[in-house]
C-alpha atoms as a PDB file:
ATOM      1  CA  UNK A   1      -7.856 -20.041 -36.457  1.00  0.00           C
ATOM      2  CA  UNK A   2      -7.955 -16.578 -35.578  1.00  0.00           C
ATOM      3  CA  UNK A   3      -5.389 -14.648 -33.559  1.00  0.00           C
ATOM      4  CA  UNK A   4      -7.225 -13.944 -29.845  1.00  0.00           C
ATOM      5  CA  UNK A   5      -8.109 -10.253 -29.630  1.00  0.00           C
ATOM      6  CA  UNK A   6      -5.144  -8.180 -27.803  1.00  0.00           C
ATOM      7  CA  UNK A   7      -5.863  -7.052 -24.376  1.00  0.00           C
ATOM      8  CA  UNK A   8      -7.779  -3.834 -23.814  1.00  0.00           C
ATOM      9  CA  UNK A   9     -10.226  -2.384 -21.510  1.00  0.00           C
ATOM     10  CA  UNK A  10     -12.026   0.788 -23.110  1.00  0.00           C
ATOM     11  CA  UNK A  11     -12.900   4.045 -21.034  1.00  0.00           C
ATOM     12  CA  UNK A  12     -16.278   4.068 -20.430  1.00  0.00           C
ATOM     13  CA  UNK A  13     -18.161   7.869 -20.126  1.00  0.00           C
ATOM     14  CA  UNK A  14     -17.205   8.571 -16.634  1.00  0.00           C
ATOM     15  CA  UNK A  15     -13.695   7.367 -17.322  1.00  0.00           C
ATOM     16  CA  UNK A  16     -13.802   9.440 -20.515  1.00  0.00           C
ATOM     17  CA  UNK A  17     -14.826  12.663 -18.918  1.00  0.00           C
ATOM     18  CA  UNK A  18     -12.113  12.028 -16.179  1.00  0.00           C
ATOM     19  CA  UNK A  19      -9.573  11.583 -18.821  1.00  0.00           C
ATOM     20  CA  UNK A  20     -10.997  14.773 -20.736  1.00  0.00           C
ATOM     21  CA  UNK A  21     -10.412  16.760 -17.038  1.00  0.00           C
ATOM     22  CA  UNK A  22      -6.949  15.584 -16.821  1.00  0.00           C
ATOM     23  CA  UNK A  23      -5.822  16.396 -19.964  1.00  0.00           C
ATOM     24  CA  UNK A  24      -7.198  20.027 -19.738  1.00  0.00           C
ATOM     25  CA  UNK A  25      -5.302  20.202 -16.459  1.00  0.00           C
ATOM     26  CA  UNK A  26      -2.423  19.089 -17.973  1.00  0.00           C
ATOM     27  CA  UNK A  27      -2.584  21.453 -20.916  1.00  0.00           C
ATOM     28  CA  UNK A  28      -2.912  24.219 -18.210  1.00  0.00           C
ATOM     29  CA  UNK A  29       0.047  23.100 -16.329  1.00  0.00           C
ATOM     30  CA  UNK A  30      -1.192  21.300 -13.397  1.00  0.00           C
ATOM     31  CA  UNK A  31       0.099  17.703 -13.416  1.00  0.00           C
ATOM     32  CA  UNK A  32      -1.733  15.376 -10.671  1.00  0.00           C
ATOM     33  CA  UNK A  33       0.871  12.982  -9.242  1.00  0.00           C
ATOM     34  CA  UNK A  34       3.152  13.374 -12.692  1.00  0.00           C
ATOM     35  CA  UNK A  35       0.723  13.222 -15.023  1.00  0.00           C
ATOM     36  CA  UNK A  36       1.036  14.931 -18.232  1.00  0.00           C
ATOM     37  CA  UNK A  37      -0.644  14.889 -21.701  1.00  0.00           C
ATOM     38  CA  UNK A  38       0.198  12.499 -24.587  1.00  0.00           C
ATOM     39  CA  UNK A  39      -0.054  13.706 -28.078  1.00  0.00           C
ATOM     40  CA  UNK A  40       0.407  11.508 -30.949  1.00  0.00           C
ATOM     41  CA  UNK A  41      -0.018  11.265 -34.419  1.00  0.00           C
ATOM     42  CA  UNK A  42      -2.626   9.002 -35.729  1.00  0.00           C
ATOM     43  CA  UNK A  43      -2.132   6.366 -37.684  1.00  0.00           C
ATOM     44  CA  UNK A  44      -5.064   6.406 -39.967  1.00  0.00           C
ATOM     45  CA  UNK A  45      -6.481  10.447 -39.294  1.00  0.00           C
ATOM     46  CA  UNK A  46      -2.826  11.640 -39.236  1.00  0.00           C
ATOM     47  CA  UNK A  47      -4.409  14.086 -36.705  1.00  0.00           C
ATOM     48  CA  UNK A  48      -2.715  14.472 -33.063  1.00  0.00           C
ATOM     49  CA  UNK A  49      -4.764  12.591 -30.399  1.00  0.00           C
ATOM     50  CA  UNK A  50      -4.259  13.533 -26.952  1.00  0.00           C
ATOM     51  CA  UNK A  51      -4.919  11.397 -24.039  1.00  0.00           C
ATOM     52  CA  UNK A  52      -3.559  11.671 -20.296  1.00  0.00           C
ATOM     53  CA  UNK A  53      -1.136   9.699 -19.369  1.00  0.00           C
ATOM     54  CA  UNK A  54       1.117   8.608 -16.139  1.00  0.00           C
ATOM     55  CA  UNK A  55       5.230   8.868 -17.311  1.00  0.00           C
ATOM     56  CA  UNK A  56       6.891   6.681 -15.453  1.00  0.00           C
ATOM     57  CA  UNK A  57      11.019   6.866 -14.184  1.00  0.00           C
ATOM     58  CA  UNK A  58      12.432   3.666 -13.881  1.00  0.00           C
ATOM     59  CA  UNK A  59      16.453   3.485 -13.541  1.00  0.00           C
ATOM     60  CA  UNK A  60      17.142   6.497 -14.745  1.00  0.00           C
ATOM     61  CA  UNK A  61      14.735   6.188 -18.079  1.00  0.00           C
ATOM     62  CA  UNK A  62      11.203   7.301 -18.662  1.00  0.00           C
ATOM     63  CA  UNK A  63       8.684   5.070 -19.724  1.00  0.00           C
ATOM     64  CA  UNK A  64       4.711   5.135 -21.005  1.00  0.00           C
ATOM     65  CA  UNK A  65       2.952   1.906 -19.715  1.00  0.00           C
ATOM     66  CA  UNK A  66      -0.660   1.173 -21.287  1.00  0.00           C
ATOM     67  CA  UNK A  67      -2.589   0.004 -17.957  1.00  0.00           C
ATOM     68  CA  UNK A  68      -5.777  -0.557 -20.422  1.00  0.00           C
ATOM     69  CA  UNK A  69      -3.489  -2.615 -22.918  1.00  0.00           C
ATOM     70  CA  UNK A  70      -3.585  -2.295 -26.523  1.00  0.00           C
ATOM     71  CA  UNK A  71      -5.190   0.946 -26.661  1.00  0.00           C
ATOM     72  CA  UNK A  72      -6.138   3.382 -29.704  1.00  0.00           C
ATOM     73  CA  UNK A  73      -3.026   5.712 -28.522  1.00  0.00           C
ATOM     74  CA  UNK A  74      -0.846   2.425 -28.214  1.00  0.00           C
ATOM     75  CA  UNK A  75      -1.547   1.361 -32.241  1.00  0.00           C
ATOM     76  CA  UNK A  76      -0.749   5.324 -33.397  1.00  0.00           C
ATOM     77  CA  UNK A  77       2.560   5.154 -31.135  1.00  0.00           C
ATOM     78  CA  UNK A  78       3.837   1.754 -32.870  1.00  0.00           C
ATOM     79  CA  UNK A  79       3.418   3.577 -36.084  1.00  0.00           C
ATOM     80  CA  UNK A  80       4.388   7.213 -35.413  1.00  0.00           C
ATOM     81  CA  UNK A  81       7.464   6.192 -32.761  1.00  0.00           C
ATOM     82  CA  UNK A  82       7.248   8.738 -31.018  1.00  0.00           C
ATOM     83  CA  UNK A  83       4.995  12.023 -29.910  1.00  0.00           C
ATOM     84  CA  UNK A  84       5.266  14.830 -27.302  1.00  0.00           C
ATOM     85  CA  UNK A  85       4.414  14.765 -23.693  1.00  0.00           C
ATOM     86  CA  UNK A  86       3.002  18.416 -22.076  1.00  0.00           C
ATOM     87  CA  UNK A  87       2.023  20.211 -19.097  1.00  0.00           C
ATOM     88  CA  UNK A  88       1.019  23.297 -19.380  1.00  0.00           C
ATOM     89  CA  UNK A  89       3.654  25.468 -21.639  1.00  0.00           C
ATOM     90  CA  UNK A  90       5.889  22.728 -21.343  1.00  0.00           C
ATOM     91  CA  UNK A  91       6.292  20.447 -24.383  1.00  0.00           C
ATOM     92  CA  UNK A  92       8.898  17.567 -24.730  1.00  0.00           C
ATOM     93  CA  UNK A  93       9.122  15.757 -27.963  1.00  0.00           C
ATOM     94  CA  UNK A  94      10.221  12.292 -27.617  1.00  0.00           C
ATOM     95  CA  UNK A  95      10.783   8.590 -29.437  1.00  0.00           C
ATOM     96  CA  UNK A  96       9.393   5.877 -28.615  1.00  0.00           C
ATOM     97  CA  UNK A  97      11.006   1.990 -28.162  1.00  0.00           C
ATOM     98  CA  UNK A  98       8.553  -0.769 -27.562  1.00  0.00           C
ATOM     99  CA  UNK A  99       9.978  -3.215 -24.655  1.00  0.00           C
ATOM    100  CA  UNK A 100       8.523  -6.389 -26.027  1.00  0.00           C
ATOM    101  CA  UNK A 101      10.604  -8.898 -23.748  1.00  0.00           C
ATOM    102  CA  UNK A 102       8.085  -9.918 -20.851  1.00  0.00           C
ATOM    103  CA  UNK A 103      11.239 -10.691 -18.606  1.00  0.00           C
ATOM    104  CA  UNK A 104      12.551  -7.311 -19.066  1.00  0.00           C
ATOM    105  CA  UNK A 105       8.987  -5.509 -18.233  1.00  0.00           C
ATOM    106  CA  UNK A 106       8.900  -7.268 -14.813  1.00  0.00           C
ATOM    107  CA  UNK A 107      10.554  -5.191 -12.830  1.00  0.00           C
ATOM    108  CA  UNK A 108       9.360  -2.260 -14.353  1.00  0.00           C
ATOM    109  CA  UNK A 109       5.577  -3.399 -14.384  1.00  0.00           C
ATOM    110  CA  UNK A 110       6.412  -3.888 -10.594  1.00  0.00           C
ATOM    111  CA  UNK A 111       7.723  -0.292 -10.221  1.00  0.00           C
ATOM    112  CA  UNK A 112       5.040   1.163 -12.108  1.00  0.00           C
ATOM    113  CA  UNK A 113       2.048  -0.540  -9.944  1.00  0.00           C
ATOM    114  CA  UNK A 114       3.993   0.448  -6.758  1.00  0.00           C
ATOM    115  CA  UNK A 115       3.360   4.095  -8.070  1.00  0.00           C
ATOM    116  CA  UNK A 116       0.289   4.022  -9.909  1.00  0.00           C
ATOM    117  CA  UNK A 117      -1.425   0.997  -8.736  1.00  0.00           C
ATOM    118  CA  UNK A 118      -4.029   3.116  -6.568  1.00  0.00           C
ATOM    119  CA  UNK A 119      -5.053   4.329  -9.964  1.00  0.00           C
ATOM    120  CA  UNK A 120      -4.388   1.299 -12.310  1.00  0.00           C
ATOM    121  CA  UNK A 121      -4.577  -1.981 -10.309  1.00  0.00           C
ATOM    122  CA  UNK A 122      -8.445  -2.881 -12.034  1.00  0.00           C
ATOM    123  CA  UNK A 123      -6.685  -3.096 -15.091  1.00  0.00           C
ATOM    124  CA  UNK A 124      -4.233  -5.969 -14.240  1.00  0.00           C
ATOM    125  CA  UNK A 125      -6.777  -8.597 -13.400  1.00  0.00           C
ATOM    126  CA  UNK A 126      -5.719  -9.258  -9.843  1.00  0.00           C
ATOM    127  CA  UNK A 127      -1.665  -8.392 -10.282  1.00  0.00           C
ATOM    128  CA  UNK A 128      -0.152  -5.898  -8.328  1.00  0.00           C
ATOM    129  CA  UNK A 129       3.062  -4.670  -7.094  1.00  0.00           C
ATOM    130  CA  UNK A 130       3.282  -7.629  -4.657  1.00  0.00           C
ATOM    131  CA  UNK A 131       2.494 -10.120  -7.228  1.00  0.00           C
ATOM    132  CA  UNK A 132       5.388 -13.045  -8.097  1.00  0.00           C
ATOM    133  CA  UNK A 133       7.657 -12.275 -10.968  1.00  0.00           C
ATOM    134  CA  UNK A 134       5.860 -15.210 -12.692  1.00  0.00           C
ATOM    135  CA  UNK A 135       2.340 -13.278 -12.329  1.00  0.00           C
ATOM    136  CA  UNK A 136       3.732  -9.829 -13.596  1.00  0.00           C
ATOM    137  CA  UNK A 137       5.324 -12.030 -16.773  1.00  0.00           C
ATOM    138  CA  UNK A 138       2.307 -13.701 -17.367  1.00  0.00           C
ATOM    139  CA  UNK A 139       0.087 -10.193 -17.833  1.00  0.00           C
ATOM    140  CA  UNK A 140       3.410  -8.235 -19.419  1.00  0.00           C
ATOM    141  CA  UNK A 141       2.058  -9.114 -22.974  1.00  0.00           C
ATOM    142  CA  UNK A 142      -1.408  -7.228 -22.174  1.00  0.00           C
ATOM    143  CA  UNK A 143       0.523  -3.836 -21.198  1.00  0.00           C
ATOM    144  CA  UNK A 144       2.542  -2.499 -23.820  1.00  0.00           C
ATOM    145  CA  UNK A 145       5.404  -0.565 -22.357  1.00  0.00           C
ATOM    146  CA  UNK A 146       7.514   2.076 -24.154  1.00  0.00           C
ATOM    147  CA  UNK A 147      10.770   3.518 -23.194  1.00  0.00           C
ATOM    148  CA  UNK A 148      10.893   7.314 -24.582  1.00  0.00           C
ATOM    149  CA  UNK A 149      13.900   9.353 -25.300  1.00  0.00           C
ATOM    150  CA  UNK A 150      13.236  13.230 -25.102  1.00  0.00           C
ATOM    151  CA  UNK A 151      14.524  15.136 -28.055  1.00  0.00           C
ATOM    152  CA  UNK A 152      14.248  18.382 -26.521  1.00  0.00           C
END
């Protein structure tokens, strides 16, 4: 029996254009609502891959949440173990630890959706910041989360 395909919502042409725009803005030093450009080494190519992300601070720690699911940057992060966040000339190197416990992720996902829900709710299949703990826990496996620790 085949394992189920991990949840992933691929960006369409319009979203790809917006991601490109937001990435360019971050490289120029313009952060929209706290966004930054993530660079992570490609697991196959070895080249740095870039994508705009919404770093999220929760209880004094920083996290990256993949609203779209098990995306390419997530797969690369699992292999690379870290990357860089850029806004303008400020580049911060970090290591990443994936949070895998769904119970641990509930409060973090709720806080993330409170801040970023206006942008990402559509990827959470009806789950919002107001959903029950059980509903958040049920979707937690679809949305990888990494705690990031800055090196510089």
